[in-house]
Amino acid sequence: MAAAQVTEIHCKTLINRVNAPDFHFRWTINPYRGCRHACRYCYARSTHQYWGMDAGTDFESQIFAKVNAPSVLRQELSRPKWQGDPIVIGTASDPYEPAEAQYRLTRQVLEVMAEYRNPASITTKGTLVRRDIDVLQHLNEVAGVQVVFSVGTIDETVWRQTEPGAPNPMARLEAMQYLVEHGIPAGVLAAPLLPGLSDSAKSIDALVSAAANHRAQFLSGNLLFLRPGSREWFMPMIRESYPHLAPGYARLYRSEHAPRDYTNAVVGLVEDARLRWELPRMPSVSSLRPATLPGFPEVGDRSPLTEFDPEIRMQAETPMQLEMPIAA
């Protein structure tokens, strides 16, 4: 991979409204643009093209840190129109990608969400999430939180080829177990499952059994889909590293999604394994509730627990391709 450059930027908005039918939640936050995990299949790669960069090496080497994210979030959560809906963190960039070790923006975002008692769901491949166990415990007590670990395979060869910058899958499961043992709801999104590489009954059962043995509290799975930007980066890797699979991928992915029958068959294998290992299905983000709420105001009272200075200087930021800013 190319060496990474992190650029500090100021954002005008942080909470984004989801405007894509593939996602079953309304609001997202991404403290970073780009991602050093460099997953070949990442559907968010095309977002870099909106700023004149490419969806390939630029997406994984040109990282942008929204350094005013905590201040902007405080403004947004304090708006009278904001109803305290759950927010998913990490839909277009991993919130625990390597830049987070220095900038701590995700940690600060979680601290602000705890101040406003706003529930959150975190999607990550990052093991750095263990660092924030104290903030996660507090947020879980006052608002509710869940951490979803994206693990599509435990095969090390496939992992190295398709997710060259991401932590080892077993390290992710160990991080998940650590969170669960410290009271944080956490589980596995078995995704994306890759045709011919990680979507067989044997591969899926190995992944689900590993998740169960690491105390996953829930599990769901999805098959690979390829949007423009990710397709151009993923398919050459298949042709180079797995040439015997290339004709099959060309047939399966004439559009973004594989045929419904194929997709349903793979999802059925996930369900079979999930039931065999007695794992609940991943709960809806809308079901997030505080673990305890002693001594706190009613949920309808959205006043913060701490004071803040709303006077910050910001420059405009173009919204992500799949998202739009919330209304003022």
C-alpha atoms as a PDB file:
ATOM      1  CA  MET A   1       0.000   0.000   0.000  1.00  0.00           C
ATOM      2  CA  ALA A   2       1.043   3.595  -0.577  1.00  0.00           C
ATOM      3  CA  ALA A   3       2.203   5.677   2.373  1.00  0.00           C
ATOM      4  CA  ALA A   4      -0.636   7.516   4.075  1.00  0.00           C
ATOM      5  CA  GLN A   5      -1.053  11.253   4.359  1.00  0.00           C
ATOM      6  CA  VAL A   6      -3.538  12.610   6.900  1.00  0.00           C
ATOM      7  CA  THR A   7      -5.020  16.043   6.195  1.00  0.00           C
ATOM      8  CA  GLU A   8      -6.874  17.953   8.892  1.00  0.00           C
ATOM      9  CA  ILE A   9     -10.153  19.476   7.707  1.00  0.00           C
ATOM     10  CA  HIS A  10     -13.126  21.285   9.235  1.00  0.00           C
ATOM     11  CA  CYS A  11     -16.621  20.022   8.509  1.00  0.00           C
ATOM     12  CA  LYS A  12     -19.815  22.035   8.378  1.00  0.00           C
ATOM     13  CA  THR A  13     -22.018  19.087   9.342  1.00  0.00           C
ATOM     14  CA  LEU A  14     -21.277  15.729  10.941  1.00  0.00           C
ATOM     15  CA  ILE A  15     -24.585  13.878  11.267  1.00  0.00           C
ATOM     16  CA  ASN A  16     -25.761  12.717   7.857  1.00  0.00           C
ATOM     17  CA  ARG A  17     -29.121  11.411   6.713  1.00  0.00           C
ATOM     18  CA  VAL A  18     -28.836   8.080   4.899  1.00  0.00           C
ATOM     19  CA  ASN A  19     -30.090   8.292   1.338  1.00  0.00           C
ATOM     20  CA  ALA A  20     -29.503   4.732   0.155  1.00  0.00           C
ATOM     21  CA  PRO A  21     -31.935   1.791   0.195  1.00  0.00           C
ATOM     22  CA  ASP A  22     -29.203  -0.721   1.124  1.00  0.00           C
ATOM     23  CA  PHE A  23     -28.924   0.687   4.646  1.00  0.00           C
ATOM     24  CA  HIS A  24     -31.604   0.155   7.278  1.00  0.00           C
ATOM     25  CA  PHE A  25     -30.882   3.141   9.482  1.00  0.00           C
ATOM     26  CA  ARG A  26     -31.433   6.875   9.195  1.00  0.00           C
ATOM     27  CA  TRP A  27     -28.375   8.672  10.551  1.00  0.00           C
ATOM     28  CA  THR A  28     -24.617   8.233  10.300  1.00  0.00           C
ATOM     29  CA  ILE A  29     -21.375   9.828  11.452  1.00  0.00           C
ATOM     30  CA  ASN A  30     -17.956   9.419   9.844  1.00  0.00           C
ATOM     31  CA  PRO A  31     -15.149  11.223  11.697  1.00  0.00           C
ATOM     32  CA  TYR A  32     -12.765  10.451   8.815  1.00  0.00           C
ATOM     33  CA  ARG A  33     -12.751  10.321   5.013  1.00  0.00           C
ATOM     34  CA  GLY A  34     -10.801   7.537   3.380  1.00  0.00           C
ATOM     35  CA  CYS A  35      -9.608   4.423   5.188  1.00  0.00           C
ATOM     36  CA  ARG A  36      -6.224   2.803   5.666  1.00  0.00           C
ATOM     37  CA  HIS A  37      -7.812  -0.617   6.026  1.00  0.00           C
ATOM     38  CA  ALA A  38      -7.794  -0.617   2.207  1.00  0.00           C
ATOM     39  CA  CYS A  39     -10.522  -3.223   1.765  1.00  0.00           C
ATOM     40  CA  ARG A  40     -10.636  -3.961  -1.944  1.00  0.00           C
ATOM     41  CA  TYR A  41     -14.410  -4.253  -2.023  1.00  0.00           C
ATOM     42  CA  CYS A  42     -15.275  -1.170   0.070  1.00  0.00           C
ATOM     43  CA  TYR A  43     -18.483   0.429  -1.215  1.00  0.00           C
ATOM     44  CA  ALA A  44     -17.378   3.860   0.053  1.00  0.00           C
ATOM     45  CA  ARG A  45     -14.366   4.135  -2.253  1.00  0.00           C
ATOM     46  CA  SER A  46     -16.246   6.296  -4.746  1.00  0.00           C
ATOM     47  CA  THR A  47     -16.719   9.028  -2.138  1.00  0.00           C
ATOM     48  CA  HIS A  48     -13.147  10.196  -2.783  1.00  0.00           C
ATOM     49  CA  GLN A  49     -14.030  10.893  -6.408  1.00  0.00           C
ATOM     50  CA  TYR A  50     -16.237  13.777  -5.302  1.00  0.00           C
ATOM     51  CA  TRP A  51     -13.114  15.668  -4.260  1.00  0.00           C
ATOM     52  CA  GLY A  52     -11.133  14.942  -7.420  1.00  0.00           C
ATOM     53  CA  MET A  53      -9.291  11.889  -6.108  1.00  0.00           C
ATOM     54  CA  ASP A  54      -9.404   8.294  -7.253  1.00  0.00           C
ATOM     55  CA  ALA A  55     -11.286   5.461  -5.595  1.00  0.00           C
ATOM     56  CA  GLY A  56      -8.200   3.266  -5.487  1.00  0.00           C
ATOM     57  CA  THR A  57      -4.910   4.302  -3.924  1.00  0.00           C
ATOM     58  CA  ASP A  58      -6.146   7.783  -2.957  1.00  0.00           C
ATOM     59  CA  PHE A  59      -8.991   6.354  -0.855  1.00  0.00           C
ATOM     60  CA  GLU A  60      -6.572   4.348   1.257  1.00  0.00           C
ATOM     61  CA  SER A  61      -3.636   6.790   1.322  1.00  0.00           C
ATOM     62  CA  GLN A  62      -5.262  10.254   1.427  1.00  0.00           C
ATOM     63  CA  ILE A  63      -7.020  10.333   4.802  1.00  0.00           C
ATOM     64  CA  PHE A  64      -8.973  13.342   6.035  1.00  0.00           C
ATOM     65  CA  ALA A  65      -9.553  13.915   9.750  1.00  0.00           C
ATOM     66  CA  LYS A  66     -12.548  16.100  10.662  1.00  0.00           C
ATOM     67  CA  VAL A  67     -10.815  17.759  13.570  1.00  0.00           C
ATOM     68  CA  ASN A  68     -13.805  19.882  14.611  1.00  0.00           C
ATOM     69  CA  ALA A  69     -16.166  16.879  14.659  1.00  0.00           C
ATOM     70  CA  PRO A  70     -16.867  16.971  18.438  1.00  0.00           C
ATOM     71  CA  SER A  71     -17.778  20.680  18.406  1.00  0.00           C
ATOM     72  CA  VAL A  72     -20.016  20.298  15.355  1.00  0.00           C
ATOM     73  CA  LEU A  73     -21.728  17.283  16.921  1.00  0.00           C
ATOM     74  CA  ARG A  74     -22.508  19.248  20.078  1.00  0.00           C
ATOM     75  CA  GLN A  75     -24.217  21.891  17.977  1.00  0.00           C
ATOM     76  CA  GLU A  76     -26.220  19.316  16.046  1.00  0.00           C
ATOM     77  CA  LEU A  77     -27.357  17.309  19.071  1.00  0.00           C
ATOM     78  CA  SER A  78     -28.482  20.492  20.833  1.00  0.00           C
ATOM     79  CA  ARG A  79     -30.864  21.516  18.039  1.00  0.00           C
ATOM     80  CA  PRO A  80     -34.523  21.459  19.107  1.00  0.00           C
ATOM     81  CA  LYS A  81     -35.455  19.395  16.038  1.00  0.00           C
ATOM     82  CA  TRP A  82     -33.049  16.608  16.902  1.00  0.00           C
ATOM     83  CA  GLN A  83     -34.998  13.753  18.507  1.00  0.00           C
ATOM     84  CA  GLY A  84     -32.142  11.632  19.808  1.00  0.00           C
ATOM     85  CA  ASP A  85     -32.402   8.906  17.167  1.00  0.00           C
ATOM     86  CA  PRO A  86     -29.681   6.232  17.155  1.00  0.00           C
ATOM     87  CA  ILE A  87     -26.676   7.085  14.987  1.00  0.00           C
ATOM     88  CA  VAL A  88     -24.453   4.583  13.187  1.00  0.00           C
ATOM     89  CA  ILE A  89     -20.761   5.488  13.352  1.00  0.00           C
ATOM     90  CA  GLY A  90     -18.493   4.184  10.605  1.00  0.00           C
ATOM     91  CA  THR A  91     -20.416   3.694   7.360  1.00  0.00           C
ATOM     92  CA  ALA A  92     -18.009   5.334   4.881  1.00  0.00           C
ATOM     93  CA  SER A  93     -14.725   5.044   6.803  1.00  0.00           C
ATOM     94  CA  ASP A  94     -13.734   2.857   9.725  1.00  0.00           C
ATOM     95  CA  PRO A  95     -13.968   4.970  12.896  1.00  0.00           C
ATOM     96  CA  TYR A  96     -11.041   3.011  14.355  1.00  0.00           C
ATOM     97  CA  GLU A  97      -8.760   3.210  11.342  1.00  0.00           C
ATOM     98  CA  PRO A  98      -5.085   3.950  12.187  1.00  0.00           C
ATOM     99  CA  ALA A  99      -5.477   7.753  12.206  1.00  0.00           C
ATOM    100  CA  GLU A 100      -7.760   7.427  15.249  1.00  0.00           C
ATOM    101  CA  ALA A 101      -4.786   6.446  17.407  1.00  0.00           C
ATOM    102  CA  GLN A 102      -3.482   9.992  17.007  1.00  0.00           C
ATOM    103  CA  TYR A 103      -6.599  12.115  16.546  1.00  0.00           C
ATOM    104  CA  ARG A 104      -9.008  10.375  18.966  1.00  0.00           C
ATOM    105  CA  LEU A 105     -11.965  11.872  17.087  1.00  0.00           C
ATOM    106  CA  THR A 106     -14.133   8.774  17.430  1.00  0.00           C
ATOM    107  CA  ARG A 107     -13.506   8.711  21.166  1.00  0.00           C
ATOM    108  CA  GLN A 108     -14.467  12.384  21.450  1.00  0.00           C
ATOM    109  CA  VAL A 109     -17.594  11.808  19.348  1.00  0.00           C
ATOM    110  CA  LEU A 110     -18.628   9.008  21.716  1.00  0.00           C
ATOM    111  CA  GLU A 111     -18.012  11.278  24.696  1.00  0.00           C
ATOM    112  CA  VAL A 112     -20.316  13.918  23.205  1.00  0.00           C
ATOM    113  CA  MET A 113     -22.990  11.303  22.497  1.00  0.00           C
ATOM    114  CA  ALA A 114     -22.796  10.205  26.122  1.00  0.00           C
ATOM    115  CA  GLU A 115     -23.192  13.827  27.240  1.00  0.00           C
ATOM    116  CA  TYR A 116     -26.421  14.052  25.236  1.00  0.00           C
ATOM    117  CA  ARG A 117     -27.498  10.475  26.020  1.00  0.00           C
ATOM    118  CA  ASN A 118     -27.765   9.661  22.318  1.00  0.00           C
ATOM    119  CA  PRO A 119     -27.579   5.947  21.396  1.00  0.00           C
ATOM    120  CA  ALA A 120     -24.996   4.746  18.890  1.00  0.00           C
ATOM    121  CA  SER A 121     -24.061   1.707  16.849  1.00  0.00           C
ATOM    122  CA  ILE A 122     -20.417   1.374  15.821  1.00  0.00           C
ATOM    123  CA  THR A 123     -19.286  -0.618  12.796  1.00  0.00           C
ATOM    124  CA  THR A 124     -15.585  -1.422  12.716  1.00  0.00           C
ATOM    125  CA  LYS A 125     -12.762  -3.766  11.844  1.00  0.00           C
ATOM    126  CA  GLY A 126     -10.494  -1.915  14.266  1.00  0.00           C
ATOM    127  CA  THR A 127      -9.108  -3.400  17.454  1.00  0.00           C
ATOM    128  CA  LEU A 128      -8.351   0.079  18.823  1.00  0.00           C
ATOM    129  CA  VAL A 129     -11.962   0.137  20.038  1.00  0.00           C
ATOM    130  CA  ARG A 130     -10.723  -1.611  23.197  1.00  0.00           C
ATOM    131  CA  ARG A 131      -9.051   1.658  24.206  1.00  0.00           C
ATOM    132  CA  ASP A 132     -12.458   3.308  24.596  1.00  0.00           C
ATOM    133  CA  ILE A 133     -14.053   0.753  26.906  1.00  0.00           C
ATOM    134  CA  ASP A 134     -14.632   3.402  29.589  1.00  0.00           C
ATOM    135  CA  VAL A 135     -16.516   5.714  27.228  1.00  0.00           C
ATOM    136  CA  LEU A 136     -18.482   2.815  25.757  1.00  0.00           C
ATOM    137  CA  GLN A 137     -19.541   1.642  29.213  1.00  0.00           C
ATOM    138  CA  HIS A 138     -20.748   5.128  30.111  1.00  0.00           C
ATOM    139  CA  LEU A 139     -22.605   5.554  26.820  1.00  0.00           C
ATOM    140  CA  ASN A 140     -24.201   2.143  27.220  1.00  0.00           C
ATOM    141  CA  GLU A 141     -25.439   3.071  30.688  1.00  0.00           C
ATOM    142  CA  VAL A 142     -26.998   6.394  29.727  1.00  0.00           C
ATOM    143  CA  ALA A 143     -28.177   5.836  26.155  1.00  0.00           C
ATOM    144  CA  GLY A 144     -27.327   2.436  24.683  1.00  0.00           C
ATOM    145  CA  VAL A 145     -24.556   1.300  22.360  1.00  0.00           C
ATOM    146  CA  GLN A 146     -23.634  -1.710  20.283  1.00  0.00           C
ATOM    147  CA  VAL A 147     -20.408  -2.537  18.467  1.00  0.00           C
ATOM    148  CA  VAL A 148     -20.594  -4.487  15.221  1.00  0.00           C
ATOM    149  CA  PHE A 149     -17.367  -6.115  14.078  1.00  0.00           C
ATOM    150  CA  SER A 150     -17.144  -6.631  10.337  1.00  0.00           C
ATOM    151  CA  VAL A 151     -15.579 -10.057   9.755  1.00  0.00           C
ATOM    152  CA  GLY A 152     -16.182 -11.685   6.385  1.00  0.00           C
ATOM    153  CA  THR A 153     -13.695 -14.540   6.708  1.00  0.00           C
ATOM    154  CA  ILE A 154     -11.165 -16.040   9.088  1.00  0.00           C
ATOM    155  CA  ASP A 155      -9.080 -17.385   6.199  1.00  0.00           C
ATOM    156  CA  GLU A 156      -5.765 -15.538   6.460  1.00  0.00           C
ATOM    157  CA  THR A 157      -4.960 -15.795   2.752  1.00  0.00           C
ATOM    158  CA  VAL A 158      -8.275 -14.259   1.729  1.00  0.00           C
ATOM    159  CA  TRP A 159      -7.952 -11.622   4.457  1.00  0.00           C
ATOM    160  CA  ARG A 160      -4.495 -10.538   3.281  1.00  0.00           C
ATOM    161  CA  GLN A 161      -5.625 -10.326  -0.342  1.00  0.00           C
ATOM    162  CA  THR A 162      -8.873  -8.450   0.226  1.00  0.00           C
ATOM    163  CA  GLU A 163      -8.301  -6.417   3.423  1.00  0.00           C
ATOM    164  CA  PRO A 164      -4.546  -5.709   3.385  1.00  0.00           C
ATOM    165  CA  GLY A 165      -4.643  -2.880   5.930  1.00  0.00           C
ATOM    166  CA  ALA A 166      -7.224  -4.286   8.341  1.00  0.00           C
ATOM    167  CA  PRO A 167      -6.446  -6.129  11.590  1.00  0.00           C
ATOM    168  CA  ASN A 168      -6.330  -9.914  11.584  1.00  0.00           C
ATOM    169  CA  PRO A 169      -9.878 -11.327  11.744  1.00  0.00           C
ATOM    170  CA  MET A 170      -9.107 -13.294  14.894  1.00  0.00           C
ATOM    171  CA  ALA A 171      -7.801 -10.117  16.547  1.00  0.00           C
ATOM    172  CA  ARG A 172     -11.153  -8.497  15.758  1.00  0.00           C
ATOM    173  CA  LEU A 173     -12.976 -11.377  17.409  1.00  0.00           C
ATOM    174  CA  GLU A 174     -10.707 -11.081  20.437  1.00  0.00           C
ATOM    175  CA  ALA A 175     -11.526  -7.368  20.656  1.00  0.00           C
ATOM    176  CA  MET A 176     -15.219  -8.231  20.452  1.00  0.00           C
ATOM    177  CA  GLN A 177     -14.859 -10.741  23.272  1.00  0.00           C
ATOM    178  CA  TYR A 178     -13.091  -8.121  25.381  1.00  0.00           C
ATOM    179  CA  LEU A 179     -15.998  -5.706  24.920  1.00  0.00           C
ATOM    180  CA  VAL A 180     -18.600  -8.353  25.733  1.00  0.00           C
ATOM    181  CA  GLU A 181     -16.729  -9.370  28.874  1.00  0.00           C
ATOM    182  CA  HIS A 182     -16.799  -5.711  29.926  1.00  0.00           C
ATOM    183  CA  GLY A 183     -20.531  -5.336  29.436  1.00  0.00           C
ATOM    184  CA  ILE A 184     -20.752  -3.911  25.908  1.00  0.00           C
ATOM    185  CA  PRO A 185     -23.214  -5.492  23.448  1.00  0.00           C
ATOM    186  CA  ALA A 186     -21.069  -6.644  20.528  1.00  0.00           C
ATOM    187  CA  GLY A 187     -21.364  -9.083  17.674  1.00  0.00           C
ATOM    188  CA  VAL A 188     -20.396  -9.917  14.114  1.00  0.00           C
ATOM    189  CA  LEU A 189     -21.497  -8.780  10.708  1.00  0.00           C
ATOM    190  CA  ALA A 190     -20.297 -11.633   8.505  1.00  0.00           C
ATOM    191  CA  ALA A 191     -19.765  -9.435   5.497  1.00  0.00           C
ATOM    192  CA  PRO A 192     -19.007  -9.219   2.789  1.00  0.00           C
ATOM    193  CA  LEU A 193     -19.092 -12.910   2.003  1.00  0.00           C
ATOM    194  CA  LEU A 194     -17.118 -13.371  -1.216  1.00  0.00           C
ATOM    195  CA  PRO A 195     -18.316 -15.849  -3.860  1.00  0.00           C
ATOM    196  CA  GLY A 196     -15.909 -18.737  -4.214  1.00  0.00           C
ATOM    197  CA  LEU A 197     -13.703 -17.455  -1.395  1.00  0.00           C
ATOM    198  CA  SER A 198     -15.731 -17.237   1.796  1.00  0.00           C
ATOM    199  CA  ASP A 199     -19.345 -18.119   0.970  1.00  0.00           C
ATOM    200  CA  SER A 200     -19.245 -21.922   1.205  1.00  0.00           C
ATOM    201  CA  ALA A 201     -21.036 -23.746   4.008  1.00  0.00           C
ATOM    202  CA  LYS A 202     -17.642 -24.795   5.421  1.00  0.00           C
ATOM    203  CA  SER A 203     -16.219 -21.262   5.396  1.00  0.00           C
ATOM    204  CA  ILE A 204     -19.352 -19.753   6.881  1.00  0.00           C
ATOM    205  CA  ASP A 205     -19.567 -22.349   9.643  1.00  0.00           C
ATOM    206  CA  ALA A 206     -15.909 -21.757  10.528  1.00  0.00           C
ATOM    207  CA  LEU A 207     -16.569 -18.028  10.834  1.00  0.00           C
ATOM    208  CA  VAL A 208     -19.787 -18.400  12.821  1.00  0.00           C
ATOM    209  CA  SER A 209     -18.256 -20.964  15.176  1.00  0.00           C
ATOM    210  CA  ALA A 210     -15.297 -18.643  15.804  1.00  0.00           C
ATOM    211  CA  ALA A 211     -17.711 -15.792  16.523  1.00  0.00           C
ATOM    212  CA  ALA A 212     -19.674 -17.959  18.957  1.00  0.00           C
ATOM    213  CA  ASN A 213     -16.511 -19.153  20.687  1.00  0.00           C
ATOM    214  CA  HIS A 214     -15.513 -15.513  21.170  1.00  0.00           C
ATOM    215  CA  ARG A 215     -18.869 -14.761  22.837  1.00  0.00           C
ATOM    216  CA  ALA A 216     -20.568 -12.866  20.026  1.00  0.00           C
ATOM    217  CA  GLN A 217     -23.961 -11.662  21.211  1.00  0.00           C
ATOM    218  CA  PHE A 218     -25.439 -11.505  17.721  1.00  0.00           C
ATOM    219  CA  LEU A 219     -24.590 -12.258  14.107  1.00  0.00           C
ATOM    220  CA  SER A 220     -25.901 -11.485  10.652  1.00  0.00           C
ATOM    221  CA  GLY A 221     -24.357 -11.786   7.212  1.00  0.00           C
ATOM    222  CA  ASN A 222     -24.439 -10.304   3.725  1.00  0.00           C
ATOM    223  CA  LEU A 223     -23.052 -11.194   0.337  1.00  0.00           C
ATOM    224  CA  LEU A 224     -20.627  -8.933  -1.528  1.00  0.00           C
ATOM    225  CA  PHE A 225     -22.068  -6.108  -3.603  1.00  0.00           C
ATOM    226  CA  LEU A 226     -19.993  -3.954  -5.934  1.00  0.00           C
ATOM    227  CA  ARG A 227     -20.699  -0.283  -6.489  1.00  0.00           C
ATOM    228  CA  PRO A 228     -18.894   1.849  -9.069  1.00  0.00           C
ATOM    229  CA  GLY A 229     -15.506   2.687  -7.606  1.00  0.00           C
ATOM    230  CA  SER A 230     -15.203  -0.547  -5.677  1.00  0.00           C
ATOM    231  CA  ARG A 231     -15.881  -2.703  -8.755  1.00  0.00           C
ATOM    232  CA  GLU A 232     -12.936  -1.164 -10.619  1.00  0.00           C
ATOM    233  CA  TRP A 233     -10.647  -1.871  -7.656  1.00  0.00           C
ATOM    234  CA  PHE A 234     -11.957  -5.317  -6.697  1.00  0.00           C
ATOM    235  CA  MET A 235     -12.347  -7.116 -10.024  1.00  0.00           C
ATOM    236  CA  PRO A 236      -8.703  -6.676 -11.144  1.00  0.00           C
ATOM    237  CA  MET A 237      -7.634  -8.257  -7.850  1.00  0.00           C
ATOM    238  CA  ILE A 238      -9.864 -11.254  -8.608  1.00  0.00           C
ATOM    239  CA  ARG A 239      -8.446 -11.583 -12.124  1.00  0.00           C
ATOM    240  CA  GLU A 240      -4.869 -11.392 -10.826  1.00  0.00           C
ATOM    241  CA  SER A 241      -5.067 -13.435  -7.623  1.00  0.00           C
ATOM    242  CA  TYR A 242      -7.968 -15.782  -8.386  1.00  0.00           C
ATOM    243  CA  PRO A 243      -8.158 -16.035 -12.200  1.00  0.00           C
ATOM    244  CA  HIS A 244     -10.218 -19.223 -12.026  1.00  0.00           C
ATOM    245  CA  LEU A 245     -12.988 -17.237 -10.312  1.00  0.00           C
ATOM    246  CA  ALA A 246     -12.979 -14.271 -12.699  1.00  0.00           C
ATOM    247  CA  PRO A 247     -15.549 -15.646 -15.206  1.00  0.00           C
ATOM    248  CA  GLY A 248     -17.945 -16.486 -12.383  1.00  0.00           C
ATOM    249  CA  TYR A 249     -17.648 -12.998 -10.892  1.00  0.00           C
ATOM    250  CA  ALA A 250     -18.289 -11.454 -14.305  1.00  0.00           C
ATOM    251  CA  ARG A 251     -21.511 -13.446 -14.559  1.00  0.00           C
ATOM    252  CA  LEU A 252     -22.635 -12.835 -10.977  1.00  0.00           C
ATOM    253  CA  TYR A 253     -21.945  -9.109 -10.932  1.00  0.00           C
ATOM    254  CA  ARG A 254     -23.407  -7.777 -14.140  1.00  0.00           C
ATOM    255  CA  SER A 255     -24.973  -5.224 -11.786  1.00  0.00           C
ATOM    256  CA  GLU A 256     -24.143  -4.136  -8.238  1.00  0.00           C
ATOM    257  CA  HIS A 257     -25.757  -7.184  -6.649  1.00  0.00           C
ATOM    258  CA  ALA A 258     -25.522 -10.894  -7.372  1.00  0.00           C
ATOM    259  CA  PRO A 259     -28.764 -12.576  -8.517  1.00  0.00           C
ATOM    260  CA  ARG A 260     -31.392 -12.893  -5.813  1.00  0.00           C
ATOM    261  CA  ASP A 261     -31.371 -16.702  -5.841  1.00  0.00           C
ATOM    262  CA  TYR A 262     -27.616 -16.818  -5.240  1.00  0.00           C
ATOM    263  CA  THR A 263     -27.779 -14.159  -2.537  1.00  0.00           C
ATOM    264  CA  ASN A 264     -30.644 -15.905  -0.757  1.00  0.00           C
ATOM    265  CA  ALA A 265     -28.793 -19.221  -0.836  1.00  0.00           C
ATOM    266  CA  VAL A 266     -25.723 -17.710   0.843  1.00  0.00           C
ATOM    267  CA  VAL A 267     -27.787 -15.836   3.422  1.00  0.00           C
ATOM    268  CA  GLY A 268     -29.549 -19.132   4.103  1.00  0.00           C
ATOM    269  CA  LEU A 269     -26.201 -20.751   4.902  1.00  0.00           C
ATOM    270  CA  VAL A 270     -25.482 -17.943   7.357  1.00  0.00           C
ATOM    271  CA  GLU A 271     -28.861 -18.451   9.004  1.00  0.00           C
ATOM    272  CA  ASP A 272     -28.307 -22.201   9.261  1.00  0.00           C
ATOM    273  CA  ALA A 273     -24.945 -21.677  10.950  1.00  0.00           C
ATOM    274  CA  ARG A 274     -26.293 -18.926  13.192  1.00  0.00           C
ATOM    275  CA  LEU A 275     -29.083 -21.171  14.454  1.00  0.00           C
ATOM    276  CA  ARG A 276     -26.742 -24.138  14.824  1.00  0.00           C
ATOM    277  CA  TRP A 277     -24.486 -22.060  17.060  1.00  0.00           C
ATOM    278  CA  GLU A 278     -27.471 -20.499  18.856  1.00  0.00           C
ATOM    279  CA  LEU A 279     -26.611 -16.895  18.072  1.00  0.00           C
ATOM    280  CA  PRO A 280     -29.312 -14.215  17.934  1.00  0.00           C
ATOM    281  CA  ARG A 281     -29.725 -12.208  14.760  1.00  0.00           C
ATOM    282  CA  MET A 282     -28.249  -8.711  14.836  1.00  0.00           C
ATOM    283  CA  PRO A 283     -30.750  -6.353  16.518  1.00  0.00           C
ATOM    284  CA  SER A 284     -32.111  -3.319  14.727  1.00  0.00           C
ATOM    285  CA  VAL A 285     -30.313  -0.063  15.433  1.00  0.00           C
ATOM    286  CA  SER A 286     -33.670   1.430  16.405  1.00  0.00           C
ATOM    287  CA  SER A 287     -33.901  -1.053  19.302  1.00  0.00           C
ATOM    288  CA  LEU A 288     -30.938   0.460  21.164  1.00  0.00           C
ATOM    289  CA  ARG A 289     -31.798   1.303  24.766  1.00  0.00           C
ATOM    290  CA  PRO A 290     -29.734   2.368  27.788  1.00  0.00           C
ATOM    291  CA  ALA A 291     -28.493  -0.436  30.000  1.00  0.00           C
ATOM    292  CA  THR A 292     -29.464   1.675  33.021  1.00  0.00           C
ATOM    293  CA  LEU A 293     -30.803   5.174  33.407  1.00  0.00           C
ATOM    294  CA  PRO A 294     -30.704   5.973  37.135  1.00  0.00           C
ATOM    295  CA  GLY A 295     -30.823   9.607  38.130  1.00  0.00           C
ATOM    296  CA  PHE A 296     -31.022  10.984  34.594  1.00  0.00           C
ATOM    297  CA  PRO A 297     -33.767  13.157  33.071  1.00  0.00           C
ATOM    298  CA  GLU A 298     -36.391  11.680  30.778  1.00  0.00           C
ATOM    299  CA  VAL A 299     -35.158  10.782  27.297  1.00  0.00           C
ATOM    300  CA  GLY A 300     -37.152  13.656  25.845  1.00  0.00           C
ATOM    301  CA  ASP A 301     -34.942  16.128  27.703  1.00  0.00           C
ATOM    302  CA  ARG A 302     -32.003  16.421  25.332  1.00  0.00           C
ATOM    303  CA  SER A 303     -30.049  19.048  27.295  1.00  0.00           C
ATOM    304  CA  PRO A 304     -26.329  18.264  27.566  1.00  0.00           C
ATOM    305  CA  LEU A 305     -24.643  17.137  30.740  1.00  0.00           C
ATOM    306  CA  THR A 306     -21.786  19.597  30.242  1.00  0.00           C
ATOM    307  CA  GLU A 307     -21.415  23.151  29.001  1.00  0.00           C
ATOM    308  CA  PHE A 308     -19.778  23.936  25.692  1.00  0.00           C
ATOM    309  CA  ASP A 309     -18.831  26.913  23.591  1.00  0.00           C
ATOM    310  CA  PRO A 310     -20.828  26.852  20.339  1.00  0.00           C
ATOM    311  CA  GLU A 311     -18.660  29.510  18.722  1.00  0.00           C
ATOM    312  CA  ILE A 312     -16.470  27.587  16.289  1.00  0.00           C
ATOM    313  CA  ARG A 313     -15.129  28.440  12.889  1.00  0.00           C
ATOM    314  CA  MET A 314     -16.002  25.991  10.136  1.00  0.00           C
ATOM    315  CA  GLN A 315     -15.617  25.719   6.415  1.00  0.00           C
ATOM    316  CA  ALA A 316     -18.185  24.008   4.210  1.00  0.00           C
ATOM    317  CA  GLU A 317     -17.806  20.328   3.413  1.00  0.00           C
ATOM    318  CA  THR A 318     -19.534  18.551   0.551  1.00  0.00           C
ATOM    319  CA  PRO A 319     -21.702  15.675   1.867  1.00  0.00           C
ATOM    320  CA  MET A 320     -20.779  12.078   1.171  1.00  0.00           C
ATOM    321  CA  GLN A 321     -22.235  10.401  -1.908  1.00  0.00           C
ATOM    322  CA  LEU A 322     -24.541   8.153   0.097  1.00  0.00           C
ATOM    323  CA  GLU A 323     -25.539  10.724   2.675  1.00  0.00           C
ATOM    324  CA  MET A 324     -27.046  14.158   3.034  1.00  0.00           C
ATOM    325  CA  PRO A 325     -26.712  16.603   5.953  1.00  0.00           C
ATOM    326  CA  ILE A 326     -29.471  16.876   8.518  1.00  0.00           C
ATOM    327  CA  ALA A 327     -31.752  19.886   8.350  1.00  0.00           C
ATOM    328  CA  ALA A 328     -30.919  22.820  10.544  1.00  0.00           C
END
